[in-house]
Amino acid sequence: MSTTSKGGYNESRATSYLEDIGFLIIERNYYARKLGEIDIIASKESVLHFIEVKSAFADFDPIYNVTKGKLRKVINSAYYFMKERKLNMAFSIDAMIIRGEDIEFIENVTL
């Protein structure tokens, strides 16, 4: 399986997981011009969640792919999304870490 198809597959798994725990999926693969991409935008209990999905091959823990630079791009893209949609509400920058069959949802990621 190519890296691109694996990423799409794992984003679909992450989306299903979020829906199963009560999230409403707003958008997938949102691209903010010149700022970056957000894998999943979802909402729950009046909070927007901007979610970065990370997975990796067997010998590497994908948590290490959630870097300060990547989070900065997600944050900038989140502000752009909210400005574009004229939204003023609580939000959270989150990560979904997929290790094989295990999915870990980390809310309010900071470095």
N, C-alpha and C. Protein backbone atom coordinates (compact mmCIF):
# COMPACT_ATOMS: atom_id res chain seq x y z
N MET A 1 0.86 -1.19 0.00
CA MET A 1 0.00 0.00 0.00
C MET A 1 0.89 1.24 0.00
N SER A 2 0.61 2.19 -0.90
CA SER A 2 1.41 3.41 -0.98
C SER A 2 1.16 4.29 0.25
N THR A 3 2.06 5.22 0.47
CA THR A 3 1.92 6.15 1.60
C THR A 3 0.63 6.96 1.48
N THR A 4 0.32 7.40 0.26
CA THR A 4 -0.89 8.21 0.03
C THR A 4 -2.15 7.39 0.31
N SER A 5 -2.21 6.16 -0.19
CA SER A 5 -3.42 5.36 0.05
C SER A 5 -3.51 4.94 1.51
N LYS A 6 -2.38 4.71 2.15
CA LYS A 6 -2.39 4.38 3.58
C LYS A 6 -2.91 5.58 4.39
N GLY A 7 -2.46 6.78 4.01
CA GLY A 7 -2.92 7.99 4.70
C GLY A 7 -4.42 8.17 4.56
N GLY A 8 -4.95 8.00 3.35
CA GLY A 8 -6.39 8.11 3.12
C GLY A 8 -7.17 7.07 3.89
N TYR A 9 -6.66 5.85 3.91
CA TYR A 9 -7.31 4.76 4.64
C TYR A 9 -7.36 5.09 6.14
N ASN A 10 -6.25 5.56 6.69
CA ASN A 10 -6.21 5.87 8.12
C ASN A 10 -7.04 7.10 8.46
N GLU A 11 -7.13 8.07 7.56
CA GLU A 11 -8.01 9.22 7.79
C GLU A 11 -9.47 8.76 7.81
N SER A 12 -9.82 7.80 6.96
CA SER A 12 -11.19 7.24 6.98
C SER A 12 -11.45 6.50 8.28
N ARG A 13 -10.47 5.76 8.76
CA ARG A 13 -10.62 5.08 10.06
C ARG A 13 -10.80 6.10 11.18
N ALA A 14 -10.01 7.17 11.14
CA ALA A 14 -10.10 8.21 12.16
C ALA A 14 -11.47 8.88 12.12
N THR A 15 -11.97 9.14 10.92
CA THR A 15 -13.30 9.76 10.76
C THR A 15 -14.38 8.87 11.36
N SER A 16 -14.33 7.59 11.05
CA SER A 16 -15.32 6.64 11.61
C SER A 16 -15.24 6.60 13.13
N TYR A 17 -14.03 6.59 13.66
CA TYR A 17 -13.84 6.58 15.11
C TYR A 17 -14.49 7.82 15.75
N LEU A 18 -14.23 8.98 15.15
CA LEU A 18 -14.80 10.22 15.69
C LEU A 18 -16.32 10.19 15.65
N GLU A 19 -16.89 9.73 14.54
CA GLU A 19 -18.35 9.64 14.43
C GLU A 19 -18.91 8.68 15.49
N ASP A 20 -18.20 7.60 15.74
CA ASP A 20 -18.64 6.62 16.75
C ASP A 20 -18.68 7.20 18.16
N ILE A 21 -17.83 8.21 18.43
CA ILE A 21 -17.83 8.80 19.77
C ILE A 21 -18.56 10.14 19.81
N GLY A 22 -19.39 10.39 18.79
CA GLY A 22 -20.30 11.53 18.85
C GLY A 22 -19.89 12.80 18.15
N PHE A 23 -18.84 12.77 17.34
CA PHE A 23 -18.42 13.96 16.61
C PHE A 23 -19.20 14.07 15.30
N LEU A 24 -19.43 15.31 14.88
CA LEU A 24 -20.00 15.60 13.57
C LEU A 24 -18.83 16.03 12.68
N ILE A 25 -18.63 15.34 11.58
CA ILE A 25 -17.54 15.68 10.67
C ILE A 25 -17.98 16.85 9.80
N ILE A 26 -17.21 17.92 9.83
CA ILE A 26 -17.50 19.13 9.07
C ILE A 26 -16.82 19.06 7.70
N GLU A 27 -15.55 18.67 7.70
CA GLU A 27 -14.80 18.65 6.46
C GLU A 27 -13.56 17.78 6.62
N ARG A 28 -13.12 17.20 5.50
CA ARG A 28 -11.87 16.43 5.47
C ARG A 28 -10.94 17.07 4.46
N ASN A 29 -9.65 17.03 4.78
CA ASN A 29 -8.61 17.54 3.88
C ASN A 29 -8.86 18.99 3.47
N TYR A 30 -9.14 19.82 4.46
CA TYR A 30 -9.33 21.25 4.22
C TYR A 30 -7.98 21.87 3.92
N TYR A 31 -7.91 22.59 2.81
CA TYR A 31 -6.66 23.23 2.42
C TYR A 31 -6.80 24.75 2.50
N ALA A 32 -5.98 25.36 3.35
CA ALA A 32 -5.92 26.81 3.46
C ALA A 32 -4.75 27.28 2.60
N ARG A 33 -5.06 28.01 1.57
CA ARG A 33 -4.06 28.41 0.59
C ARG A 33 -2.81 29.00 1.26
N LYS A 34 -1.68 28.46 0.93
CA LYS A 34 -0.35 28.88 1.40
C LYS A 34 -0.11 28.63 2.88
N LEU A 35 -1.08 28.07 3.59
CA LEU A 35 -0.90 27.84 5.03
C LEU A 35 -0.72 26.37 5.36
N GLY A 36 -1.53 25.53 4.76
CA GLY A 36 -1.42 24.11 5.04
C GLY A 36 -2.77 23.42 4.97
N GLU A 37 -2.76 22.16 5.36
CA GLU A 37 -3.95 21.32 5.29
C GLU A 37 -4.34 20.84 6.68
N ILE A 38 -5.62 20.69 6.88
CA ILE A 38 -6.14 20.08 8.11
C ILE A 38 -6.82 18.79 7.69
N ASP A 39 -6.41 17.68 8.30
CA ASP A 39 -6.94 16.38 7.89
C ASP A 39 -8.44 16.26 8.14
N ILE A 40 -8.87 16.61 9.36
CA ILE A 40 -10.29 16.48 9.71
C ILE A 40 -10.70 17.70 10.53
N ILE A 41 -11.84 18.27 10.18
CA ILE A 41 -12.47 19.31 11.00
C ILE A 41 -13.79 18.72 11.46
N ALA A 42 -13.98 18.70 12.77
CA ALA A 42 -15.18 18.09 13.35
C ALA A 42 -15.70 18.97 14.48
N SER A 43 -16.92 18.71 14.91
CA SER A 43 -17.45 19.45 16.05
C SER A 43 -18.14 18.50 17.03
N LYS A 44 -18.12 18.94 18.26
CA LYS A 44 -18.80 18.21 19.33
C LYS A 44 -19.02 19.20 20.47
N GLU A 45 -20.25 19.25 20.95
CA GLU A 45 -20.60 20.11 22.09
C GLU A 45 -20.14 21.55 21.88
N SER A 46 -20.44 22.11 20.73
CA SER A 46 -20.15 23.51 20.39
C SER A 46 -18.67 23.85 20.35
N VAL A 47 -17.82 22.86 20.15
CA VAL A 47 -16.38 23.09 20.02
C VAL A 47 -15.95 22.53 18.67
N LEU A 48 -15.19 23.35 17.92
CA LEU A 48 -14.60 22.87 16.67
C LEU A 48 -13.28 22.17 16.99
N HIS A 49 -13.06 21.05 16.33
CA HIS A 49 -11.83 20.29 16.51
C HIS A 49 -11.10 20.21 15.18
N PHE A 50 -9.87 20.70 15.17
CA PHE A 50 -9.01 20.64 14.00
C PHE A 50 -8.03 19.50 14.27
N ILE A 51 -8.13 18.43 13.48
CA ILE A 51 -7.47 17.18 13.84
C ILE A 51 -6.44 16.77 12.80
N GLU A 52 -5.24 16.54 13.27
CA GLU A 52 -4.14 16.03 12.46
C GLU A 52 -4.07 14.52 12.68
N VAL A 53 -4.09 13.75 11.60
CA VAL A 53 -4.03 12.29 11.68
C VAL A 53 -2.62 11.85 11.33
N LYS A 54 -2.03 11.04 12.20
CA LYS A 54 -0.69 10.53 11.96
C LYS A 54 -0.67 9.02 12.14
N SER A 55 -0.05 8.35 11.19
CA SER A 55 0.16 6.91 11.27
C SER A 55 1.54 6.64 10.70
N ALA A 56 2.07 5.45 10.96
CA ALA A 56 3.41 5.14 10.47
C ALA A 56 3.55 3.64 10.29
N PHE A 57 4.63 3.29 9.66
CA PHE A 57 4.93 1.88 9.49
C PHE A 57 5.40 1.29 10.81
N ALA A 58 5.55 0.01 10.88
CA ALA A 58 5.71 -0.77 12.11
C ALA A 58 6.78 -0.27 13.09
N ASP A 59 7.93 0.17 12.63
CA ASP A 59 9.03 0.45 13.54
C ASP A 59 9.15 1.89 13.99
N PHE A 60 8.13 2.71 13.75
CA PHE A 60 8.22 4.12 14.08
C PHE A 60 6.92 4.57 14.72
N ASP A 61 6.99 5.23 15.87
CA ASP A 61 5.79 5.72 16.54
C ASP A 61 5.38 7.04 15.90
N PRO A 62 4.17 7.09 15.32
CA PRO A 62 3.73 8.29 14.60
C PRO A 62 3.57 9.53 15.46
N ILE A 63 3.55 9.39 16.78
CA ILE A 63 3.44 10.56 17.65
C ILE A 63 4.58 11.54 17.37
N TYR A 64 5.74 11.01 16.93
CA TYR A 64 6.89 11.86 16.67
C TYR A 64 6.74 12.69 15.39
N ASN A 65 5.69 12.40 14.61
CA ASN A 65 5.40 13.21 13.41
C ASN A 65 4.53 14.41 13.73
N VAL A 66 4.08 14.54 14.97
CA VAL A 66 3.33 15.73 15.40
C VAL A 66 4.37 16.72 15.90
N THR A 67 4.83 17.55 14.99
CA THR A 67 5.93 18.47 15.29
C THR A 67 5.42 19.89 15.55
N LYS A 68 6.29 20.69 16.10
CA LYS A 68 5.95 22.10 16.35
C LYS A 68 5.59 22.80 15.04
N GLY A 69 6.36 22.55 13.99
CA GLY A 69 6.09 23.16 12.69
C GLY A 69 4.74 22.73 12.12
N LYS A 70 4.42 21.43 12.25
CA LYS A 70 3.14 20.93 11.74
C LYS A 70 1.99 21.54 12.53
N LEU A 71 2.13 21.63 13.84
CA LEU A 71 1.08 22.23 14.67
C LEU A 71 0.87 23.70 14.32
N ARG A 72 1.95 24.40 14.03
CA ARG A 72 1.85 25.81 13.65
C ARG A 72 1.02 25.94 12.37
N LYS A 73 1.25 25.05 11.40
CA LYS A 73 0.49 25.08 10.16
C LYS A 73 -0.99 24.78 10.41
N VAL A 74 -1.26 23.82 11.28
CA VAL A 74 -2.66 23.48 11.60
C VAL A 74 -3.33 24.67 12.29
N ILE A 75 -2.65 25.29 13.23
CA ILE A 75 -3.21 26.44 13.95
C ILE A 75 -3.50 27.59 12.97
N ASN A 76 -2.54 27.91 12.11
CA ASN A 76 -2.74 28.98 11.13
C ASN A 76 -3.90 28.66 10.19
N SER A 77 -3.98 27.41 9.77
CA SER A 77 -5.08 26.98 8.88
C SER A 77 -6.41 27.03 9.61
N ALA A 78 -6.41 26.69 10.90
CA ALA A 78 -7.64 26.75 11.70
C ALA A 78 -8.15 28.18 11.80
N TYR A 79 -7.25 29.12 12.08
CA TYR A 79 -7.66 30.53 12.13
C TYR A 79 -8.20 30.99 10.78
N TYR A 80 -7.56 30.56 9.71
CA TYR A 80 -8.01 30.91 8.36
C TYR A 80 -9.42 30.36 8.11
N PHE A 81 -9.64 29.10 8.48
CA PHE A 81 -10.95 28.47 8.32
C PHE A 81 -12.02 29.25 9.07
N MET A 82 -11.73 29.60 10.32
CA MET A 82 -12.71 30.31 11.13
C MET A 82 -12.99 31.71 10.58
N LYS A 83 -11.95 32.39 10.10
CA LYS A 83 -12.15 33.71 9.51
C LYS A 83 -12.95 33.60 8.22
N GLU A 84 -12.62 32.64 7.38
CA GLU A 84 -13.30 32.42 6.11
C GLU A 84 -14.79 32.13 6.31
N ARG A 85 -15.09 31.37 7.35
CA ARG A 85 -16.49 30.99 7.63
C ARG A 85 -17.18 31.94 8.60
N LYS A 86 -16.46 32.98 9.02
CA LYS A 86 -16.98 33.97 9.97
C LYS A 86 -17.47 33.30 11.27
N LEU A 87 -16.61 32.45 11.82
CA LEU A 87 -16.94 31.72 13.05
C LEU A 87 -16.19 32.34 14.22
N ASN A 88 -16.86 32.41 15.34
CA ASN A 88 -16.25 32.86 16.58
C ASN A 88 -16.70 31.90 17.67
N MET A 89 -15.91 30.83 17.85
CA MET A 89 -16.31 29.81 18.81
C MET A 89 -15.08 29.10 19.35
N ALA A 90 -15.28 28.33 20.39
CA ALA A 90 -14.18 27.57 20.99
C ALA A 90 -13.67 26.54 19.99
N PHE A 91 -12.35 26.33 20.04
CA PHE A 91 -11.78 25.30 19.17
C PHE A 91 -10.63 24.60 19.87
N SER A 92 -10.27 23.46 19.30
CA SER A 92 -9.21 22.64 19.87
C SER A 92 -8.35 22.09 18.74
N ILE A 93 -7.04 22.06 18.95
CA ILE A 93 -6.12 21.44 18.00
C ILE A 93 -5.81 20.06 18.56
N ASP A 94 -6.15 19.04 17.77
CA ASP A 94 -6.07 17.67 18.26
C ASP A 94 -5.24 16.79 17.32
N ALA A 95 -4.91 15.60 17.79
CA ALA A 95 -4.19 14.62 16.96
C ALA A 95 -4.84 13.25 17.12
N MET A 96 -4.87 12.52 16.04
CA MET A 96 -5.28 11.12 16.04
C MET A 96 -4.03 10.33 15.68
N ILE A 97 -3.61 9.47 16.58
CA ILE A 97 -2.41 8.67 16.36
C ILE A 97 -2.87 7.24 16.10
N ILE A 98 -2.49 6.72 14.94
CA ILE A 98 -2.92 5.37 14.56
C ILE A 98 -1.69 4.47 14.52
N ARG A 99 -1.74 3.47 15.39
CA ARG A 99 -0.67 2.48 15.48
C ARG A 99 -1.29 1.12 15.19
N GLY A 100 -1.17 0.66 13.98
CA GLY A 100 -1.79 -0.62 13.61
C GLY A 100 -3.30 -0.55 13.78
N GLU A 101 -3.84 -1.37 14.66
CA GLU A 101 -5.29 -1.38 14.91
C GLU A 101 -5.71 -0.41 15.99
N ASP A 102 -4.75 0.17 16.70
CA ASP A 102 -5.05 1.07 17.81
C ASP A 102 -5.16 2.51 17.34
N ILE A 103 -6.18 3.22 17.87
CA ILE A 103 -6.36 4.63 17.57
C ILE A 103 -6.36 5.40 18.89
N GLU A 104 -5.51 6.41 18.96
CA GLU A 104 -5.43 7.27 20.15
C GLU A 104 -5.83 8.68 19.76
N PHE A 105 -6.80 9.24 20.47
CA PHE A 105 -7.27 10.60 20.21
C PHE A 105 -6.72 11.50 21.29
N ILE A 106 -5.94 12.50 20.90
CA ILE A 106 -5.31 13.42 21.85
C ILE A 106 -5.88 14.80 21.62
N GLU A 107 -6.61 15.32 22.59
CA GLU A 107 -7.22 16.65 22.48
C GLU A 107 -6.27 17.70 23.03
N ASN A 108 -6.38 18.92 22.47
CA ASN A 108 -5.61 20.08 22.93
C ASN A 108 -4.11 19.82 22.94
N VAL A 109 -3.59 19.47 21.77
CA VAL A 109 -2.17 19.18 21.64
C VAL A 109 -1.36 20.46 21.77
N THR A 110 -0.32 20.42 22.55
CA THR A 110 0.63 21.52 22.68
C THR A 110 2.04 20.95 22.71
N LEU A 111 2.98 21.73 22.26
CA LEU A 111 4.40 21.32 22.34
C LEU A 111 5.19 22.37 23.08
